[in-house]
Amino acid sequence: MASAFTDGRIDVDALVRSVASDEHGAICTFVGTARRRSEGREVRRLRYEAYLPMAEAAVAEIVAAARARWPQVEIAARHRLGDCPLGEASVAVVAAAPHRDEAFAACRFVIDTVKAQAPIWKQEVFADGTAWVGDPESFRAGGAR
């Protein structure tokens, strides 16, 4: 598997091509994007950090667990690191399977498990400061932490 991380744009079409085959009748794609508002505040961009060796291993384990659970499913996942402008993909998961039920289930399992377990940290850069998601004490008005 290629790296699950990139510091540039995520090429969703390339991910789809990497799992597609004539054995699969369903391809499920999840793309998470940077949105303009969060918790009622204006977001300027997102910033993601990860301890790459641990994060790569975690994502690989999650994808392997999905493949073990749904053996006929092919999966590709990519997460952005660094700055992510509004409207651009911050994470993408693609699952291809003979049938839609398995594709949907595997795709959801991978994104939900990555969000819950992978050592990836998200910082929201607001018009009036920054905050690390999951750390309510991190908000600082007027600049980065």
N, C-alpha and C. Protein backbone atom coordinates (compact mmCIF):
# COMPACT_ATOMS: atom_id res chain seq x y z
N MET A 1 0.85 -1.18 0.00
CA MET A 1 0.00 0.00 0.00
C MET A 1 0.88 1.24 0.00
N ALA A 2 0.53 2.19 -0.84
CA ALA A 2 1.24 3.47 -0.86
C ALA A 2 1.00 4.18 0.46
N SER A 3 1.74 5.23 0.71
CA SER A 3 1.56 5.99 1.94
C SER A 3 0.10 6.42 2.09
N ALA A 4 -0.39 6.34 3.29
CA ALA A 4 -1.75 6.78 3.59
C ALA A 4 -1.80 8.29 3.79
N PHE A 5 -0.66 8.96 3.67
CA PHE A 5 -0.60 10.40 3.96
C PHE A 5 0.03 11.18 2.81
N THR A 6 -0.42 12.43 2.69
CA THR A 6 0.12 13.32 1.68
C THR A 6 0.12 14.74 2.25
N ASP A 7 1.04 15.54 1.79
CA ASP A 7 1.03 16.95 2.20
C ASP A 7 0.45 17.84 1.11
N GLY A 8 -0.13 17.23 0.10
CA GLY A 8 -0.78 17.97 -0.98
C GLY A 8 -2.21 17.52 -1.16
N ARG A 9 -2.78 17.89 -2.28
CA ARG A 9 -4.16 17.51 -2.58
C ARG A 9 -4.31 16.00 -2.67
N ILE A 10 -5.47 15.53 -2.25
CA ILE A 10 -5.79 14.11 -2.35
C ILE A 10 -6.45 13.87 -3.71
N ASP A 11 -5.89 12.96 -4.48
CA ASP A 11 -6.43 12.61 -5.79
C ASP A 11 -7.43 11.46 -5.61
N VAL A 12 -8.68 11.83 -5.42
CA VAL A 12 -9.73 10.83 -5.18
C VAL A 12 -9.88 9.91 -6.38
N ASP A 13 -9.80 10.46 -7.58
CA ASP A 13 -9.93 9.62 -8.79
C ASP A 13 -8.85 8.54 -8.83
N ALA A 14 -7.63 8.89 -8.43
CA ALA A 14 -6.55 7.90 -8.41
C ALA A 14 -6.83 6.81 -7.37
N LEU A 15 -7.41 7.19 -6.23
CA LEU A 15 -7.79 6.20 -5.22
C LEU A 15 -8.84 5.25 -5.77
N VAL A 16 -9.83 5.80 -6.46
CA VAL A 16 -10.87 4.96 -7.06
C VAL A 16 -10.25 3.99 -8.06
N ARG A 17 -9.38 4.50 -8.93
CA ARG A 17 -8.72 3.62 -9.91
C ARG A 17 -7.90 2.52 -9.23
N SER A 18 -7.33 2.83 -8.07
CA SER A 18 -6.47 1.85 -7.40
C SER A 18 -7.25 0.66 -6.84
N VAL A 19 -8.55 0.80 -6.65
CA VAL A 19 -9.35 -0.31 -6.09
C VAL A 19 -10.35 -0.90 -7.09
N ALA A 20 -10.60 -0.21 -8.17
CA ALA A 20 -11.62 -0.65 -9.14
C ALA A 20 -11.16 -1.89 -9.90
N SER A 21 -12.10 -2.76 -10.18
CA SER A 21 -11.85 -3.91 -11.05
C SER A 21 -13.18 -4.39 -11.59
N ASP A 22 -13.13 -5.26 -12.58
CA ASP A 22 -14.38 -5.79 -13.13
C ASP A 22 -15.00 -6.85 -12.21
N GLU A 23 -14.36 -7.15 -11.10
CA GLU A 23 -14.93 -8.05 -10.09
C GLU A 23 -15.84 -7.29 -9.11
N HIS A 24 -15.74 -5.98 -9.13
CA HIS A 24 -16.48 -5.15 -8.18
C HIS A 24 -17.65 -4.46 -8.85
N GLY A 25 -18.82 -4.62 -8.25
CA GLY A 25 -20.01 -3.96 -8.76
C GLY A 25 -20.37 -2.72 -7.97
N ALA A 26 -19.57 -2.40 -6.95
CA ALA A 26 -19.86 -1.24 -6.11
C ALA A 26 -18.55 -0.59 -5.68
N ILE A 27 -18.53 0.73 -5.73
CA ILE A 27 -17.42 1.50 -5.20
C ILE A 27 -18.02 2.60 -4.32
N CYS A 28 -17.65 2.56 -3.06
CA CYS A 28 -18.14 3.55 -2.10
C CYS A 28 -16.99 4.49 -1.77
N THR A 29 -17.26 5.78 -1.84
CA THR A 29 -16.24 6.79 -1.59
C THR A 29 -16.70 7.74 -0.50
N PHE A 30 -15.84 7.95 0.50
CA PHE A 30 -16.07 8.98 1.50
C PHE A 30 -14.96 10.01 1.35
N VAL A 31 -15.34 11.28 1.26
CA VAL A 31 -14.38 12.37 1.20
C VAL A 31 -14.77 13.39 2.26
N GLY A 32 -13.88 13.61 3.21
CA GLY A 32 -14.09 14.66 4.21
C GLY A 32 -13.41 15.93 3.73
N THR A 33 -14.11 17.04 3.80
CA THR A 33 -13.57 18.30 3.31
C THR A 33 -13.52 19.35 4.41
N ALA A 34 -12.66 20.32 4.23
CA ALA A 34 -12.56 21.44 5.17
C ALA A 34 -13.74 22.37 4.93
N ARG A 35 -14.52 22.59 5.99
CA ARG A 35 -15.71 23.43 5.85
C ARG A 35 -15.48 24.82 6.47
N ARG A 36 -16.31 25.75 6.05
CA ARG A 36 -16.17 27.15 6.44
C ARG A 36 -16.55 27.43 7.88
N ARG A 37 -17.50 26.69 8.45
CA ARG A 37 -17.95 26.98 9.81
C ARG A 37 -17.83 25.73 10.68
N SER A 38 -17.43 25.96 11.92
CA SER A 38 -17.34 24.89 12.90
C SER A 38 -17.74 25.46 14.25
N GLU A 39 -18.74 24.83 14.86
CA GLU A 39 -19.21 25.28 16.17
C GLU A 39 -19.58 26.76 16.15
N GLY A 40 -20.16 27.20 15.03
CA GLY A 40 -20.61 28.58 14.91
C GLY A 40 -19.52 29.60 14.62
N ARG A 41 -18.30 29.13 14.37
CA ARG A 41 -17.17 30.05 14.13
C ARG A 41 -16.67 29.90 12.70
N GLU A 42 -16.13 30.98 12.17
CA GLU A 42 -15.59 30.97 10.81
C GLU A 42 -14.20 30.34 10.78
N VAL A 43 -14.08 29.29 9.97
CA VAL A 43 -12.82 28.58 9.80
C VAL A 43 -12.11 29.13 8.57
N ARG A 44 -10.82 29.39 8.70
CA ARG A 44 -10.00 29.84 7.56
C ARG A 44 -9.35 28.66 6.84
N ARG A 45 -8.90 27.68 7.62
CA ARG A 45 -8.29 26.47 7.06
C ARG A 45 -8.12 25.47 8.19
N LEU A 46 -7.80 24.24 7.82
CA LEU A 46 -7.48 23.20 8.79
C LEU A 46 -6.00 22.89 8.69
N ARG A 47 -5.46 22.39 9.76
CA ARG A 47 -4.06 21.94 9.76
C ARG A 47 -4.04 20.58 10.46
N TYR A 48 -3.39 19.62 9.84
CA TYR A 48 -3.30 18.27 10.39
C TYR A 48 -1.84 17.92 10.68
N GLU A 49 -1.63 17.27 11.81
CA GLU A 49 -0.32 16.76 12.18
C GLU A 49 -0.47 15.30 12.57
N ALA A 50 0.60 14.56 12.43
CA ALA A 50 0.61 13.15 12.83
C ALA A 50 2.03 12.74 13.14
N TYR A 51 2.17 11.78 14.03
CA TYR A 51 3.44 11.12 14.21
C TYR A 51 3.46 10.02 13.15
N LEU A 52 4.13 10.31 12.04
CA LEU A 52 3.97 9.52 10.83
C LEU A 52 4.22 8.02 10.98
N PRO A 53 5.28 7.58 11.65
CA PRO A 53 5.46 6.12 11.77
C PRO A 53 4.27 5.43 12.46
N MET A 54 3.79 6.02 13.53
CA MET A 54 2.64 5.43 14.23
C MET A 54 1.36 5.56 13.42
N ALA A 55 1.17 6.70 12.77
CA ALA A 55 -0.05 6.94 12.00
C ALA A 55 -0.12 6.01 10.79
N GLU A 56 1.00 5.84 10.09
CA GLU A 56 1.04 4.91 8.95
C GLU A 56 0.69 3.49 9.41
N ALA A 57 1.28 3.07 10.52
CA ALA A 57 1.02 1.73 11.04
C ALA A 57 -0.45 1.58 11.45
N ALA A 58 -1.00 2.61 12.09
CA ALA A 58 -2.40 2.55 12.54
C ALA A 58 -3.34 2.42 11.36
N VAL A 59 -3.14 3.23 10.34
CA VAL A 59 -4.02 3.17 9.16
C VAL A 59 -3.87 1.83 8.46
N ALA A 60 -2.65 1.34 8.33
CA ALA A 60 -2.44 0.02 7.71
C ALA A 60 -3.16 -1.08 8.49
N GLU A 61 -3.11 -1.02 9.82
CA GLU A 61 -3.80 -2.01 10.65
C GLU A 61 -5.32 -1.91 10.48
N ILE A 62 -5.83 -0.71 10.40
CA ILE A 62 -7.27 -0.50 10.23
C ILE A 62 -7.73 -1.05 8.88
N VAL A 63 -6.98 -0.76 7.83
CA VAL A 63 -7.32 -1.28 6.50
C VAL A 63 -7.22 -2.80 6.50
N ALA A 64 -6.20 -3.35 7.14
CA ALA A 64 -6.06 -4.82 7.21
C ALA A 64 -7.23 -5.44 7.97
N ALA A 65 -7.67 -4.79 9.03
CA ALA A 65 -8.82 -5.30 9.79
C ALA A 65 -10.08 -5.29 8.93
N ALA A 66 -10.25 -4.25 8.14
CA ALA A 66 -11.41 -4.18 7.24
C ALA A 66 -11.33 -5.28 6.19
N ARG A 67 -10.14 -5.50 5.64
CA ARG A 67 -9.98 -6.55 4.63
C ARG A 67 -10.23 -7.93 5.22
N ALA A 68 -9.85 -8.13 6.47
CA ALA A 68 -10.10 -9.42 7.13
C ALA A 68 -11.60 -9.63 7.35
N ARG A 69 -12.28 -8.56 7.68
CA ARG A 69 -13.72 -8.64 7.96
C ARG A 69 -14.53 -8.78 6.67
N TRP A 70 -14.09 -8.08 5.61
CA TRP A 70 -14.76 -8.13 4.30
C TRP A 70 -13.71 -8.52 3.27
N PRO A 71 -13.41 -9.82 3.13
CA PRO A 71 -12.28 -10.27 2.30
C PRO A 71 -12.37 -9.91 0.82
N GLN A 72 -13.56 -9.67 0.29
CA GLN A 72 -13.69 -9.36 -1.13
C GLN A 72 -13.57 -7.86 -1.42
N VAL A 73 -13.33 -7.07 -0.39
CA VAL A 73 -13.30 -5.62 -0.54
C VAL A 73 -11.87 -5.13 -0.71
N GLU A 74 -11.67 -4.24 -1.68
CA GLU A 74 -10.40 -3.54 -1.86
C GLU A 74 -10.58 -2.14 -1.28
N ILE A 75 -9.58 -1.66 -0.56
CA ILE A 75 -9.70 -0.39 0.16
C ILE A 75 -8.47 0.47 -0.08
N ALA A 76 -8.70 1.76 -0.25
CA ALA A 76 -7.63 2.75 -0.31
C ALA A 76 -8.02 3.90 0.60
N ALA A 77 -7.04 4.41 1.35
CA ALA A 77 -7.29 5.53 2.25
C ALA A 77 -6.14 6.52 2.15
N ARG A 78 -6.48 7.79 2.22
CA ARG A 78 -5.46 8.84 2.17
C ARG A 78 -5.89 9.97 3.09
N HIS A 79 -4.95 10.50 3.87
CA HIS A 79 -5.20 11.61 4.78
C HIS A 79 -4.19 12.70 4.50
N ARG A 80 -4.66 13.91 4.53
CA ARG A 80 -3.79 15.06 4.28
C ARG A 80 -3.10 15.48 5.56
N LEU A 81 -1.86 15.94 5.45
CA LEU A 81 -1.13 16.54 6.55
C LEU A 81 -0.78 17.97 6.18
N GLY A 82 -0.52 18.79 7.18
CA GLY A 82 -0.23 20.20 6.93
C GLY A 82 -1.52 20.97 6.74
N ASP A 83 -1.41 22.09 6.03
CA ASP A 83 -2.57 22.95 5.82
C ASP A 83 -3.52 22.37 4.78
N CYS A 84 -4.82 22.52 5.05
CA CYS A 84 -5.86 22.08 4.13
C CYS A 84 -6.83 23.24 3.93
N PRO A 85 -6.80 23.86 2.76
CA PRO A 85 -7.69 24.99 2.49
C PRO A 85 -9.16 24.57 2.48
N LEU A 86 -10.02 25.55 2.68
CA LEU A 86 -11.47 25.30 2.65
C LEU A 86 -11.88 24.65 1.34
N GLY A 87 -12.79 23.70 1.45
CA GLY A 87 -13.33 23.04 0.27
C GLY A 87 -12.50 21.89 -0.25
N GLU A 88 -11.26 21.76 0.20
CA GLU A 88 -10.41 20.67 -0.28
C GLU A 88 -10.56 19.45 0.63
N ALA A 89 -10.24 18.29 0.07
CA ALA A 89 -10.33 17.03 0.81
C ALA A 89 -9.24 16.96 1.87
N SER A 90 -9.65 16.59 3.07
CA SER A 90 -8.68 16.35 4.14
C SER A 90 -8.46 14.86 4.35
N VAL A 91 -9.45 14.05 3.96
CA VAL A 91 -9.35 12.60 4.09
C VAL A 91 -10.25 11.95 3.04
N ALA A 92 -9.82 10.80 2.54
CA ALA A 92 -10.64 10.05 1.59
C ALA A 92 -10.46 8.56 1.83
N VAL A 93 -11.57 7.85 1.77
CA VAL A 93 -11.56 6.39 1.86
C VAL A 93 -12.41 5.86 0.71
N VAL A 94 -11.87 4.88 0.00
CA VAL A 94 -12.59 4.27 -1.12
C VAL A 94 -12.60 2.76 -0.89
N ALA A 95 -13.77 2.17 -1.02
CA ALA A 95 -13.91 0.72 -0.86
C ALA A 95 -14.66 0.17 -2.06
N ALA A 96 -14.08 -0.83 -2.70
CA ALA A 96 -14.71 -1.49 -3.85
C ALA A 96 -15.02 -2.93 -3.47
N ALA A 97 -16.22 -3.38 -3.83
CA ALA A 97 -16.67 -4.72 -3.46
C ALA A 97 -17.62 -5.25 -4.52
N PRO A 98 -17.86 -6.57 -4.50
CA PRO A 98 -18.82 -7.11 -5.45
C PRO A 98 -20.23 -6.51 -5.27
N HIS A 99 -20.58 -6.17 -4.01
CA HIS A 99 -21.92 -5.65 -3.72
C HIS A 99 -21.83 -4.41 -2.84
N ARG A 100 -22.85 -3.57 -2.89
CA ARG A 100 -22.81 -2.28 -2.18
C ARG A 100 -22.78 -2.41 -0.67
N ASP A 101 -23.47 -3.39 -0.10
CA ASP A 101 -23.49 -3.51 1.37
C ASP A 101 -22.08 -3.61 1.94
N GLU A 102 -21.24 -4.45 1.35
CA GLU A 102 -19.88 -4.62 1.83
C GLU A 102 -19.05 -3.36 1.59
N ALA A 103 -19.25 -2.72 0.44
CA ALA A 103 -18.50 -1.50 0.14
C ALA A 103 -18.84 -0.40 1.14
N PHE A 104 -20.13 -0.18 1.40
CA PHE A 104 -20.54 0.83 2.37
C PHE A 104 -19.99 0.50 3.76
N ALA A 105 -20.16 -0.76 4.19
CA ALA A 105 -19.74 -1.15 5.53
C ALA A 105 -18.24 -0.99 5.73
N ALA A 106 -17.45 -1.43 4.77
CA ALA A 106 -16.00 -1.32 4.89
C ALA A 106 -15.55 0.13 4.88
N CYS A 107 -16.13 0.92 4.00
CA CYS A 107 -15.77 2.34 3.92
C CYS A 107 -16.07 3.03 5.25
N ARG A 108 -17.25 2.80 5.79
CA ARG A 108 -17.62 3.43 7.06
C ARG A 108 -16.73 2.95 8.20
N PHE A 109 -16.44 1.66 8.23
CA PHE A 109 -15.57 1.12 9.27
C PHE A 109 -14.21 1.81 9.24
N VAL A 110 -13.63 1.94 8.05
CA VAL A 110 -12.29 2.53 7.94
C VAL A 110 -12.30 3.98 8.38
N ILE A 111 -13.21 4.81 7.87
CA ILE A 111 -13.18 6.22 8.25
C ILE A 111 -13.49 6.39 9.74
N ASP A 112 -14.46 5.67 10.25
CA ASP A 112 -14.80 5.81 11.67
C ASP A 112 -13.64 5.37 12.57
N THR A 113 -12.97 4.30 12.20
CA THR A 113 -11.88 3.78 13.02
C THR A 113 -10.64 4.67 12.91
N VAL A 114 -10.35 5.18 11.72
CA VAL A 114 -9.24 6.12 11.58
C VAL A 114 -9.48 7.35 12.46
N LYS A 115 -10.68 7.91 12.40
CA LYS A 115 -11.00 9.10 13.20
C LYS A 115 -10.85 8.81 14.70
N ALA A 116 -11.21 7.60 15.13
CA ALA A 116 -11.19 7.27 16.56
C ALA A 116 -9.82 6.83 17.06
N GLN A 117 -8.99 6.21 16.19
CA GLN A 117 -7.79 5.55 16.70
C GLN A 117 -6.46 6.05 16.16
N ALA A 118 -6.44 6.60 14.96
CA ALA A 118 -5.14 6.97 14.37
C ALA A 118 -4.60 8.23 15.04
N PRO A 119 -3.30 8.28 15.29
CA PRO A 119 -2.69 9.46 15.93
C PRO A 119 -2.52 10.62 14.93
N ILE A 120 -3.67 11.23 14.63
CA ILE A 120 -3.72 12.37 13.71
C ILE A 120 -4.41 13.50 14.48
N TRP A 121 -3.79 14.68 14.45
CA TRP A 121 -4.33 15.81 15.21
C TRP A 121 -4.76 16.90 14.26
N LYS A 122 -5.95 17.43 14.52
CA LYS A 122 -6.56 18.44 13.66
C LYS A 122 -6.62 19.77 14.40
N GLN A 123 -6.10 20.80 13.75
CA GLN A 123 -6.18 22.15 14.28
C GLN A 123 -7.07 22.98 13.36
N GLU A 124 -8.04 23.65 13.95
CA GLU A 124 -8.88 24.57 13.18
C GLU A 124 -8.30 25.97 13.32
N VAL A 125 -8.08 26.60 12.18
CA VAL A 125 -7.57 27.97 12.17
C VAL A 125 -8.77 28.85 11.87
N PHE A 126 -9.19 29.61 12.90
CA PHE A 126 -10.36 30.47 12.79
C PHE A 126 -9.95 31.89 12.42
N ALA A 127 -10.93 32.70 12.11
CA ALA A 127 -10.68 34.11 11.85
C ALA A 127 -10.11 34.80 13.09
N ASP A 128 -10.45 34.27 14.29
CA ASP A 128 -10.04 34.92 15.53
C ASP A 128 -9.12 34.07 16.42
N GLY A 129 -8.46 33.07 15.87
CA GLY A 129 -7.54 32.25 16.65
C GLY A 129 -7.49 30.82 16.15
N THR A 130 -6.94 29.92 16.97
CA THR A 130 -6.80 28.52 16.59
C THR A 130 -7.24 27.63 17.73
N ALA A 131 -7.58 26.39 17.41
CA ALA A 131 -7.92 25.40 18.43
C ALA A 131 -7.62 24.01 17.89
N TRP A 132 -7.07 23.16 18.75
CA TRP A 132 -6.90 21.76 18.41
C TRP A 132 -8.20 21.06 18.71
N VAL A 133 -8.73 20.32 17.75
CA VAL A 133 -10.00 19.62 17.93
C VAL A 133 -9.83 18.58 19.04
N GLY A 134 -10.78 18.57 19.96
CA GLY A 134 -10.73 17.65 21.08
C GLY A 134 -10.04 18.22 22.30
N ASP A 135 -9.49 19.43 22.20
CA ASP A 135 -8.81 20.07 23.32
C ASP A 135 -9.42 21.46 23.53
N PRO A 136 -10.49 21.55 24.34
CA PRO A 136 -11.18 22.83 24.51
C PRO A 136 -10.31 23.92 25.13
N GLU A 137 -9.22 23.55 25.77
CA GLU A 137 -8.33 24.54 26.38
C GLU A 137 -7.37 25.16 25.38
N SER A 138 -7.33 24.65 24.16
CA SER A 138 -6.30 25.09 23.21
C SER A 138 -6.65 26.38 22.47
N PHE A 139 -7.88 26.85 22.54
CA PHE A 139 -8.25 28.05 21.78
C PHE A 139 -7.48 29.26 22.24
N ARG A 140 -6.90 29.94 21.27
CA ARG A 140 -6.21 31.20 21.53
C ARG A 140 -6.67 32.21 20.50
N ALA A 141 -7.22 33.29 20.95
CA ALA A 141 -7.62 34.36 20.05
C ALA A 141 -6.38 35.08 19.55
N GLY A 142 -6.45 35.51 18.30
CA GLY A 142 -5.42 36.38 17.76
C GLY A 142 -4.17 35.69 17.25
N GLY A 143 -4.11 34.37 17.18
CA GLY A 143 -2.93 33.78 16.59
C GLY A 143 -2.80 32.31 16.91
N ALA A 144 -1.80 31.72 16.32
CA ALA A 144 -1.56 30.28 16.48
C ALA A 144 -0.99 30.00 17.85
N ARG A 145 -1.19 28.80 18.28
CA ARG A 145 -0.69 28.34 19.57
C ARG A 145 0.74 27.91 19.46
